[in-house]
């Protein structure tokens, strides 16, 4: 399903992934011991890539 918003928040040692879609919304909470450092970085990069691709429409060609 296409997402309208995707947000990654760092709350101290916790990561909170929130999203909203036309069909609803969701939240995932990651504790530091359940998400390895490499996966945490991968998640941050994926969220940034999504944010960039969503905003690309507003840039002039």
PDB file of N, CA and C in Angstrom:
ATOM      1  N   UNK A   1       0.841  -1.174   0.000  1.00  0.00           N
ATOM      2  CA  UNK A   1       0.000   0.000   0.000  1.00  0.00           C
ATOM      3  C   UNK A   1       0.885   1.236   0.000  1.00  0.00           C
ATOM      4  N   UNK A   2       0.550   2.252  -0.768  1.00  0.00           N
ATOM      5  CA  UNK A   2       1.331   3.497  -0.789  1.00  0.00           C
ATOM      6  C   UNK A   2       1.196   4.251   0.535  1.00  0.00           C
ATOM      7  N   UNK A   3       2.306   4.802   0.988  1.00  0.00           N
ATOM      8  CA  UNK A   3       2.301   5.559   2.236  1.00  0.00           C
ATOM      9  C   UNK A   3       2.191   7.048   1.959  1.00  0.00           C
ATOM     10  N   UNK A   4       1.434   7.732   2.790  1.00  0.00           N
ATOM     11  CA  UNK A   4       1.340   9.190   2.691  1.00  0.00           C
ATOM     12  C   UNK A   4       2.477   9.849   3.460  1.00  0.00           C
ATOM     13  N   UNK A   5       2.753   9.334   4.651  1.00  0.00           N
ATOM     14  CA  UNK A   5       3.870   9.854   5.448  1.00  0.00           C
ATOM     15  C   UNK A   5       4.631   8.688   6.059  1.00  0.00           C
ATOM     16  N   UNK A   6       5.900   8.901   6.265  1.00  0.00           N
ATOM     17  CA  UNK A   6       6.774   7.931   6.919  1.00  0.00           C
ATOM     18  C   UNK A   6       7.742   8.728   7.772  1.00  0.00           C
ATOM     19  N   UNK A   7       7.842   8.383   9.039  1.00  0.00           N
ATOM     20  CA  UNK A   7       8.651   9.177   9.966  1.00  0.00           C
ATOM     21  C   UNK A   7       9.418   8.245  10.901  1.00  0.00           C
ATOM     22  N   UNK A   8      10.697   8.523  11.085  1.00  0.00           N
ATOM     23  CA  UNK A   8      11.534   7.774  12.014  1.00  0.00           C
ATOM     24  C   UNK A   8      11.998   8.725  13.102  1.00  0.00           C
ATOM     25  N   UNK A   9      11.656   8.416  14.341  1.00  0.00           N
ATOM     26  CA  UNK A   9      12.031   9.250  15.478  1.00  0.00           C
ATOM     27  C   UNK A   9      13.007   8.498  16.364  1.00  0.00           C
ATOM     28  N   UNK A  10      14.018   9.185  16.831  1.00  0.00           N
ATOM     29  CA  UNK A  10      14.956   8.599  17.789  1.00  0.00           C
ATOM     30  C   UNK A  10      14.656   9.202  19.146  1.00  0.00           C
ATOM     31  N   UNK A  11      14.218   8.384  20.060  1.00  0.00           N
ATOM     32  CA  UNK A  11      13.876   8.813  21.417  1.00  0.00           C
ATOM     33  C   UNK A  11      14.870   8.161  22.368  1.00  0.00           C
ATOM     34  N   UNK A  12      16.028   8.801  22.487  1.00  0.00           N
ATOM     35  CA  UNK A  12      17.091   8.205  23.295  1.00  0.00           C
ATOM     36  C   UNK A  12      17.536   6.913  22.633  1.00  0.00           C
ATOM     37  N   UNK A  13      17.517   5.809  23.357  1.00  0.00           N
ATOM     38  CA  UNK A  13      17.944   4.542  22.758  1.00  0.00           C
ATOM     39  C   UNK A  13      16.856   3.870  21.919  1.00  0.00           C
ATOM     40  N   UNK A  14      15.657   4.423  21.885  1.00  0.00           N
ATOM     41  CA  UNK A  14      14.549   3.809  21.154  1.00  0.00           C
ATOM     42  C   UNK A  14      14.383   4.417  19.768  1.00  0.00           C
ATOM     43  N   UNK A  15      13.903   3.601  18.839  1.00  0.00           N
ATOM     44  CA  UNK A  15      13.518   4.081  17.511  1.00  0.00           C
ATOM     45  C   UNK A  15      12.017   3.880  17.366  1.00  0.00           C
ATOM     46  N   UNK A  16      11.340   4.905  16.878  1.00  0.00           N
ATOM     47  CA  UNK A  16       9.902   4.828  16.645  1.00  0.00           C
ATOM     48  C   UNK A  16       9.674   5.075  15.159  1.00  0.00           C
ATOM     49  N   UNK A  17       9.079   4.100  14.487  1.00  0.00           N
ATOM     50  CA  UNK A  17       8.756   4.220  13.070  1.00  0.00           C
ATOM     51  C   UNK A  17       7.241   4.401  12.970  1.00  0.00           C
ATOM     52  N   UNK A  18       6.811   5.556  12.400  1.00  0.00           N
ATOM     53  CA  UNK A  18       5.381   5.853  12.250  1.00  0.00           C
ATOM     54  C   UNK A  18       5.069   6.063  10.778  1.00  0.00           C
ATOM     55  N   UNK A  19       3.899   5.606  10.358  1.00  0.00           N
ATOM     56  CA  UNK A  19       3.474   5.811   8.992  1.00  0.00           C
ATOM     57  C   UNK A  19       1.972   6.032   8.930  1.00  0.00           C
ATOM     58  N   UNK A  20       1.570   6.673   7.848  1.00  0.00           N
ATOM     59  CA  UNK A  20       0.147   6.918   7.594  1.00  0.00           C
ATOM     60  C   UNK A  20      -0.109   6.590   6.129  1.00  0.00           C
ATOM     61  N   UNK A  21      -1.196   5.888   5.898  1.00  0.00           N
ATOM     62  CA  UNK A  21      -1.622   5.533   4.548  1.00  0.00           C
ATOM     63  C   UNK A  21      -3.114   5.816   4.443  1.00  0.00           C
ATOM     64  N   UNK A  22      -3.631   5.710   3.238  1.00  0.00           N
ATOM     65  CA  UNK A  22      -5.058   5.978   3.041  1.00  0.00           C
ATOM     66  C   UNK A  22      -5.920   4.986   3.819  1.00  0.00           C
ATOM     67  N   UNK A  23      -5.400   3.814   4.084  1.00  0.00           N
ATOM     68  CA  UNK A  23      -6.158   2.775   4.779  1.00  0.00           C
ATOM     69  C   UNK A  23      -5.946   2.771   6.289  1.00  0.00           C
ATOM     70  N   UNK A  24      -5.137   3.682   6.813  1.00  0.00           N
ATOM     71  CA  UNK A  24      -4.900   3.723   8.253  1.00  0.00           C
ATOM     72  C   UNK A  24      -3.490   4.170   8.575  1.00  0.00           C
ATOM     73  N   UNK A  25      -3.058   3.859   9.792  1.00  0.00           N
ATOM     74  CA  UNK A  25      -1.716   4.251  10.220  1.00  0.00           C
ATOM     75  C   UNK A  25      -1.144   3.151  11.109  1.00  0.00           C
ATOM     76  N   UNK A  26       0.154   3.278  11.389  1.00  0.00           N
ATOM     77  CA  UNK A  26       0.806   2.284  12.228  1.00  0.00           C
ATOM     78  C   UNK A  26       2.035   2.843  12.908  1.00  0.00           C
ATOM     79  N   UNK A  27       2.481   2.124  13.927  1.00  0.00           N
ATOM     80  CA  UNK A  27       3.652   2.511  14.705  1.00  0.00           C
ATOM     81  C   UNK A  27       4.421   1.243  15.059  1.00  0.00           C
ATOM     82  N   UNK A  28       5.736   1.288  14.925  1.00  0.00           N
ATOM     83  CA  UNK A  28       6.604   0.220  15.389  1.00  0.00           C
ATOM     84  C   UNK A  28       7.631   0.819  16.335  1.00  0.00           C
ATOM     85  N   UNK A  29       7.908   0.131  17.417  1.00  0.00           N
ATOM     86  CA  UNK A  29       8.881   0.585  18.405  1.00  0.00           C
ATOM     87  C   UNK A  29      10.012  -0.427  18.463  1.00  0.00           C
ATOM     88  N   UNK A  30      11.243   0.042  18.293  1.00  0.00           N
ATOM     89  CA  UNK A  30      12.414  -0.827  18.330  1.00  0.00           C
ATOM     90  C   UNK A  30      13.266  -0.482  19.546  1.00  0.00           C
ATOM     91  N   UNK A  31      13.512  -1.476  20.379  1.00  0.00           N
ATOM     92  CA  UNK A  31      14.442  -1.321  21.489  1.00  0.00           C
ATOM     93  C   UNK A  31      15.848  -1.544  20.958  1.00  0.00           C
ATOM     94  N   UNK A  32      16.863  -0.943  21.565  1.00  0.00           N
ATOM     95  CA  UNK A  32      18.228  -1.053  21.029  1.00  0.00           C
ATOM     96  C   UNK A  32      18.749  -2.487  20.953  1.00  0.00           C
ATOM     97  N   UNK A  33      18.329  -3.353  21.858  1.00  0.00           N
ATOM     98  CA  UNK A  33      18.861  -4.717  21.835  1.00  0.00           C
ATOM     99  C   UNK A  33      18.145  -5.604  20.809  1.00  0.00           C
ATOM    100  N   UNK A  34      17.058  -5.124  20.188  1.00  0.00           N
ATOM    101  CA  UNK A  34      16.364  -5.925  19.183  1.00  0.00           C
ATOM    102  C   UNK A  34      16.707  -5.504  17.764  1.00  0.00           C
ATOM    103  N   UNK A  35      17.346  -4.368  17.601  1.00  0.00           N
ATOM    104  CA  UNK A  35      17.705  -3.885  16.275  1.00  0.00           C
ATOM    105  C   UNK A  35      19.206  -3.610  16.246  1.00  0.00           C
ATOM    106  N   UNK A  36      19.968  -4.466  15.551  1.00  0.00           N
ATOM    107  CA  UNK A  36      21.417  -4.264  15.488  1.00  0.00           C
ATOM    108  C   UNK A  36      21.778  -2.925  14.851  1.00  0.00           C
ATOM    109  N   UNK A  37      22.975  -2.461  15.153  1.00  0.00           N
ATOM    110  CA  UNK A  37      23.432  -1.147  14.680  1.00  0.00           C
ATOM    111  C   UNK A  37      23.327  -1.004  13.162  1.00  0.00           C
ATOM    112  N   UNK A  38      23.718  -2.031  12.424  1.00  0.00           N
ATOM    113  CA  UNK A  38      23.654  -1.986  10.963  1.00  0.00           C
ATOM    114  C   UNK A  38      22.232  -1.869  10.457  1.00  0.00           C
ATOM    115  N   UNK A  39      21.319  -2.586  11.086  1.00  0.00           N
ATOM    116  CA  UNK A  39      19.908  -2.526  10.692  1.00  0.00           C
ATOM    117  C   UNK A  39      19.296  -1.169  11.037  1.00  0.00           C
ATOM    118  N   UNK A  40      19.729  -0.598  12.151  1.00  0.00           N
ATOM    119  CA  UNK A  40      19.253   0.729  12.539  1.00  0.00           C
ATOM    120  C   UNK A  40      19.660   1.758  11.484  1.00  0.00           C
ATOM    121  N   UNK A  41      20.900   1.682  11.037  1.00  0.00           N
ATOM    122  CA  UNK A  41      21.379   2.593   9.991  1.00  0.00           C
ATOM    123  C   UNK A  41      20.619   2.356   8.686  1.00  0.00           C
ATOM    124  N   UNK A  42      20.415   1.094   8.334  1.00  0.00           N
ATOM    125  CA  UNK A  42      19.677   0.753   7.117  1.00  0.00           C
ATOM    126  C   UNK A  42      18.253   1.322   7.161  1.00  0.00           C
ATOM    127  N   UNK A  43      17.617   1.240   8.315  1.00  0.00           N
ATOM    128  CA  UNK A  43      16.271   1.773   8.483  1.00  0.00           C
ATOM    129  C   UNK A  43      16.259   3.296   8.320  1.00  0.00           C
ATOM    130  N   UNK A  44      17.231   3.975   8.929  1.00  0.00           N
ATOM    131  CA  UNK A  44      17.320   5.435   8.787  1.00  0.00           C
ATOM    132  C   UNK A  44      17.504   5.836   7.326  1.00  0.00           C
ATOM    133  N   UNK A  45      18.374   5.130   6.601  1.00  0.00           N
ATOM    134  CA  UNK A  45      18.618   5.448   5.196  1.00  0.00           C
ATOM    135  C   UNK A  45      17.382   5.187   4.340  1.00  0.00           C
ATOM    136  N   UNK A  46      16.666   4.117   4.629  1.00  0.00           N
ATOM    137  CA  UNK A  46      15.457   3.801   3.866  1.00  0.00           C
ATOM    138  C   UNK A  46      14.386   4.870   4.080  1.00  0.00           C
ATOM    139  N   UNK A  47      14.252   5.344   5.308  1.00  0.00           N
ATOM    140  CA  UNK A  47      13.263   6.394   5.589  1.00  0.00           C
ATOM    141  C   UNK A  47      13.655   7.680   4.884  1.00  0.00           C
ATOM    142  N   UNK A  48      14.933   8.014   4.899  1.00  0.00           N
ATOM    143  CA  UNK A  48      15.387   9.221   4.195  1.00  0.00           C
ATOM    144  C   UNK A  48      15.146   9.103   2.696  1.00  0.00           C
ATOM    145  N   UNK A  49      15.416   7.934   2.125  1.00  0.00           N
ATOM    146  CA  UNK A  49      15.212   7.729   0.689  1.00  0.00           C
ATOM    147  C   UNK A  49      13.734   7.886   0.350  1.00  0.00           C
ATOM    148  N   UNK A  50      12.865   7.402   1.209  1.00  0.00           N
ATOM    149  CA  UNK A  50      11.428   7.548   0.977  1.00  0.00           C
ATOM    150  C   UNK A  50      11.035   9.016   1.041  1.00  0.00           C
ATOM    151  N   UNK A  51      11.568   9.738   1.999  1.00  0.00           N
ATOM    152  CA  UNK A  51      11.248  11.165   2.141  1.00  0.00           C
ATOM    153  C   UNK A  51      11.728  11.941   0.926  1.00  0.00           C
ATOM    154  N   UNK A  52      12.909  11.620   0.413  1.00  0.00           N
ATOM    155  CA  UNK A  52      13.430  12.313  -0.756  1.00  0.00           C
ATOM    156  C   UNK A  52      12.569  12.006  -1.963  1.00  0.00           C
ATOM    157  N   UNK A  53      12.191  10.740  -2.159  1.00  0.00           N
ATOM    158  CA  UNK A  53      11.398  10.382  -3.324  1.00  0.00           C
ATOM    159  C   UNK A  53      10.012  11.015  -3.250  1.00  0.00           C
ATOM    160  N   UNK A  54       9.453  11.184  -2.062  1.00  0.00           N
ATOM    161  CA  UNK A  54       8.139  11.809  -1.928  1.00  0.00           C
ATOM    162  C   UNK A  54       8.204  13.297  -2.253  1.00  0.00           C
ATOM    163  N   UNK A  55       9.320  13.959  -1.955  1.00  0.00           N
ATOM    164  CA  UNK A  55       9.444  15.399  -2.170  1.00  0.00           C
ATOM    165  C   UNK A  55       9.977  15.727  -3.572  1.00  0.00           C
ATOM    166  N   UNK A  56      10.435  14.746  -4.310  1.00  0.00           N
ATOM    167  CA  UNK A  56      11.030  14.991  -5.625  1.00  0.00           C
ATOM    168  C   UNK A  56      10.032  15.620  -6.584  1.00  0.00           C
ATOM    169  N   UNK A  57       8.752  15.405  -6.380  1.00  0.00           N
ATOM    170  CA  UNK A  57       7.730  15.949  -7.271  1.00  0.00           C
ATOM    171  C   UNK A  57       7.670  17.488  -7.233  1.00  0.00           C
ATOM    172  N   UNK A  58       8.103  18.071  -6.128  1.00  0.00           N
ATOM    173  CA  UNK A  58       8.011  19.515  -5.979  1.00  0.00           C
ATOM    174  C   UNK A  58       9.189  20.256  -6.581  1.00  0.00           C
ATOM    175  N   UNK A  59      10.210  19.549  -7.042  1.00  0.00           N
ATOM    176  CA  UNK A  59      11.408  20.164  -7.607  1.00  0.00           C
ATOM    177  C   UNK A  59      11.201  20.395  -9.096  1.00  0.00           C
ATOM    178  N   UNK A  60      11.580  21.573  -9.557  1.00  0.00           N
ATOM    179  CA  UNK A  60      11.446  21.886 -10.977  1.00  0.00           C
ATOM    180  C   UNK A  60      12.373  21.016 -11.803  1.00  0.00           C
ATOM    181  N   UNK A  61      11.950  20.613 -13.007  1.00  0.00           N
ATOM    182  CA  UNK A  61      12.812  19.747 -13.854  1.00  0.00           C
ATOM    183  C   UNK A  61      13.997  20.491 -14.434  1.00  0.00           C
TER     184      UNK A  61
END
